[in-house]
């Protein structure tokens, strides 16, 4: 992630977040779905990287002593939370979303 995303929670103006959709609840749904996508992608990437270290014959001592594996895990722990990344993407108009059409039954 090349752009600057805050690593901790900051106060946001709800009116600013709701402005693109016109409804804060729709904005929250969009943000939660995008944050979930980001979290799943990061988890898959971390799992793929850690599988390189997987060995069926490892003892507990060897697992705890694997420095490279620990550094990879620490790197992902230091990353901004997916919800914060999603908010930044939303503010920068980087999330493509569409509203479902409402059908009139009148």
C-alpha atoms as a PDB file:
ATOM      1  CA  UNK A   1       0.000   0.000   0.000  1.00  0.00           C
ATOM      2  CA  UNK A   2       1.700   3.099  -1.245  1.00  0.00           C
ATOM      3  CA  UNK A   3      -0.732   5.684   0.027  1.00  0.00           C
ATOM      4  CA  UNK A   4      -0.836   7.097   3.533  1.00  0.00           C
ATOM      5  CA  UNK A   5      -3.534   5.428   5.618  1.00  0.00           C
ATOM      6  CA  UNK A   6      -3.812   6.205   9.319  1.00  0.00           C
ATOM      7  CA  UNK A   7      -2.938   3.269  11.544  1.00  0.00           C
ATOM      8  CA  UNK A   8      -5.360   4.211  14.284  1.00  0.00           C
ATOM      9  CA  UNK A   9      -8.946   5.346  14.440  1.00  0.00           C
ATOM     10  CA  UNK A  10      -9.682   9.013  13.850  1.00  0.00           C
ATOM     11  CA  UNK A  11     -12.905  11.000  14.227  1.00  0.00           C
ATOM     12  CA  UNK A  12     -14.846  11.377  10.986  1.00  0.00           C
ATOM     13  CA  UNK A  13     -17.658  13.734  10.010  1.00  0.00           C
ATOM     14  CA  UNK A  14     -20.699  11.572   9.279  1.00  0.00           C
ATOM     15  CA  UNK A  15     -22.083  14.143   6.848  1.00  0.00           C
ATOM     16  CA  UNK A  16     -18.905  13.908   4.752  1.00  0.00           C
ATOM     17  CA  UNK A  17     -19.090  10.103   4.720  1.00  0.00           C
ATOM     18  CA  UNK A  18     -22.789  10.101   3.835  1.00  0.00           C
ATOM     19  CA  UNK A  19     -22.509  12.715   1.070  1.00  0.00           C
ATOM     20  CA  UNK A  20     -21.613  10.384  -1.857  1.00  0.00           C
ATOM     21  CA  UNK A  21     -24.511   7.992  -1.203  1.00  0.00           C
ATOM     22  CA  UNK A  22     -26.945  10.344   0.491  1.00  0.00           C
ATOM     23  CA  UNK A  23     -27.390   7.876   3.337  1.00  0.00           C
ATOM     24  CA  UNK A  24     -24.933   7.015   6.122  1.00  0.00           C
ATOM     25  CA  UNK A  25     -26.277   3.458   6.359  1.00  0.00           C
ATOM     26  CA  UNK A  26     -25.608   2.784   2.684  1.00  0.00           C
ATOM     27  CA  UNK A  27     -22.118   4.200   3.135  1.00  0.00           C
ATOM     28  CA  UNK A  28     -21.508   1.908   6.115  1.00  0.00           C
ATOM     29  CA  UNK A  29     -22.621  -1.121   4.080  1.00  0.00           C
ATOM     30  CA  UNK A  30     -20.265  -0.171   1.236  1.00  0.00           C
ATOM     31  CA  UNK A  31     -17.375   0.374   3.658  1.00  0.00           C
ATOM     32  CA  UNK A  32     -17.982  -2.897   5.497  1.00  0.00           C
ATOM     33  CA  UNK A  33     -18.124  -4.919   2.285  1.00  0.00           C
ATOM     34  CA  UNK A  34     -14.894  -3.331   1.017  1.00  0.00           C
ATOM     35  CA  UNK A  35     -13.157  -3.801   4.384  1.00  0.00           C
ATOM     36  CA  UNK A  36     -14.170  -7.468   4.292  1.00  0.00           C
ATOM     37  CA  UNK A  37     -12.694  -7.833   0.790  1.00  0.00           C
ATOM     38  CA  UNK A  38      -9.435  -6.258   1.949  1.00  0.00           C
ATOM     39  CA  UNK A  39      -9.260  -8.463   5.055  1.00  0.00           C
ATOM     40  CA  UNK A  40      -9.842 -11.641   3.036  1.00  0.00           C
ATOM     41  CA  UNK A  41      -7.179 -10.654   0.490  1.00  0.00           C
ATOM     42  CA  UNK A  42      -4.646  -9.902   3.247  1.00  0.00           C
ATOM     43  CA  UNK A  43      -5.426 -13.188   5.008  1.00  0.00           C
ATOM     44  CA  UNK A  44      -4.930 -15.163   1.781  1.00  0.00           C
ATOM     45  CA  UNK A  45      -1.642 -13.379   1.113  1.00  0.00           C
ATOM     46  CA  UNK A  46      -0.387 -14.007   4.663  1.00  0.00           C
ATOM     47  CA  UNK A  47      -1.420 -17.663   4.548  1.00  0.00           C
ATOM     48  CA  UNK A  48       0.346 -18.129   1.201  1.00  0.00           C
ATOM     49  CA  UNK A  49       3.557 -16.577   2.534  1.00  0.00           C
ATOM     50  CA  UNK A  50       3.487 -18.599   5.764  1.00  0.00           C
ATOM     51  CA  UNK A  51       2.887 -21.869   3.907  1.00  0.00           C
ATOM     52  CA  UNK A  52       6.463 -21.666   2.647  1.00  0.00           C
ATOM     53  CA  UNK A  53       7.546 -22.332   6.221  1.00  0.00           C
ATOM     54  CA  UNK A  54       5.168 -25.218   6.805  1.00  0.00           C
ATOM     55  CA  UNK A  55       6.910 -28.445   7.637  1.00  0.00           C
ATOM     56  CA  UNK A  56       5.132 -31.454   9.091  1.00  0.00           C
ATOM     57  CA  UNK A  57       8.186 -32.393  11.148  1.00  0.00           C
ATOM     58  CA  UNK A  58       8.600 -29.035  12.913  1.00  0.00           C
ATOM     59  CA  UNK A  59       8.811 -29.171  16.657  1.00  0.00           C
ATOM     60  CA  UNK A  60       7.383 -26.410  18.829  1.00  0.00           C
ATOM     61  CA  UNK A  61      10.852 -25.001  19.445  1.00  0.00           C
ATOM     62  CA  UNK A  62      11.547 -24.707  15.713  1.00  0.00           C
ATOM     63  CA  UNK A  63       8.242 -22.955  15.105  1.00  0.00           C
ATOM     64  CA  UNK A  64       8.913 -20.342  17.784  1.00  0.00           C
ATOM     65  CA  UNK A  65      12.470 -19.754  16.575  1.00  0.00           C
ATOM     66  CA  UNK A  66      11.669 -19.046  12.932  1.00  0.00           C
ATOM     67  CA  UNK A  67      12.582 -15.344  12.783  1.00  0.00           C
ATOM     68  CA  UNK A  68      11.585 -14.788   9.167  1.00  0.00           C
ATOM     69  CA  UNK A  69       8.111 -16.148   9.804  1.00  0.00           C
ATOM     70  CA  UNK A  70       7.766 -13.899  12.858  1.00  0.00           C
ATOM     71  CA  UNK A  71       8.842 -10.853  10.825  1.00  0.00           C
ATOM     72  CA  UNK A  72       6.236 -11.598   8.139  1.00  0.00           C
ATOM     73  CA  UNK A  73       3.535 -11.869  10.799  1.00  0.00           C
ATOM     74  CA  UNK A  74       4.652  -8.640  12.466  1.00  0.00           C
ATOM     75  CA  UNK A  75       4.567  -6.847   9.119  1.00  0.00           C
ATOM     76  CA  UNK A  76       0.901  -7.737   8.660  1.00  0.00           C
ATOM     77  CA  UNK A  77       0.102  -6.769  12.251  1.00  0.00           C
ATOM     78  CA  UNK A  78       1.522  -3.285  11.606  1.00  0.00           C
ATOM     79  CA  UNK A  79      -0.639  -2.742   8.525  1.00  0.00           C
ATOM     80  CA  UNK A  80      -3.623  -0.389   8.835  1.00  0.00           C
ATOM     81  CA  UNK A  81      -6.911  -2.051   9.645  1.00  0.00           C
ATOM     82  CA  UNK A  82      -9.013  -2.954   6.586  1.00  0.00           C
ATOM     83  CA  UNK A  83     -11.793  -0.613   7.715  1.00  0.00           C
ATOM     84  CA  UNK A  84      -9.384   2.346   7.718  1.00  0.00           C
ATOM     85  CA  UNK A  85      -8.136   1.430   4.243  1.00  0.00           C
ATOM     86  CA  UNK A  86     -11.733   1.175   3.009  1.00  0.00           C
ATOM     87  CA  UNK A  87     -12.584   4.631   4.400  1.00  0.00           C
ATOM     88  CA  UNK A  88      -9.554   6.174   2.685  1.00  0.00           C
ATOM     89  CA  UNK A  89     -10.466   4.482  -0.603  1.00  0.00           C
ATOM     90  CA  UNK A  90     -14.041   5.736  -0.253  1.00  0.00           C
ATOM     91  CA  UNK A  91     -12.883   9.302   0.461  1.00  0.00           C
ATOM     92  CA  UNK A  92     -10.606   9.179  -2.594  1.00  0.00           C
ATOM     93  CA  UNK A  93     -13.425   7.827  -4.830  1.00  0.00           C
ATOM     94  CA  UNK A  94     -11.516   4.586  -5.431  1.00  0.00           C
ATOM     95  CA  UNK A  95     -14.432   2.274  -4.611  1.00  0.00           C
ATOM     96  CA  UNK A  96     -16.804   1.421  -7.415  1.00  0.00           C
ATOM     97  CA  UNK A  97     -20.298   0.675  -6.157  1.00  0.00           C
ATOM     98  CA  UNK A  98     -23.808   0.677  -7.516  1.00  0.00           C
ATOM     99  CA  UNK A  99     -27.170   0.703  -5.851  1.00  0.00           C
ATOM    100  CA  UNK A 100     -29.683  -2.033  -6.509  1.00  0.00           C
ATOM    101  CA  UNK A 101     -32.676  -0.809  -8.474  1.00  0.00           C
ATOM    102  CA  UNK A 102     -35.800  -0.410  -6.421  1.00  0.00           C
ATOM    103  CA  UNK A 103     -38.849  -1.829  -8.141  1.00  0.00           C
ATOM    104  CA  UNK A 104     -42.168  -0.032  -7.802  1.00  0.00           C
ATOM    105  CA  UNK A 105     -45.040  -2.449  -7.186  1.00  0.00           C
ATOM    106  CA  UNK A 106     -47.717   0.245  -7.455  1.00  0.00           C
END
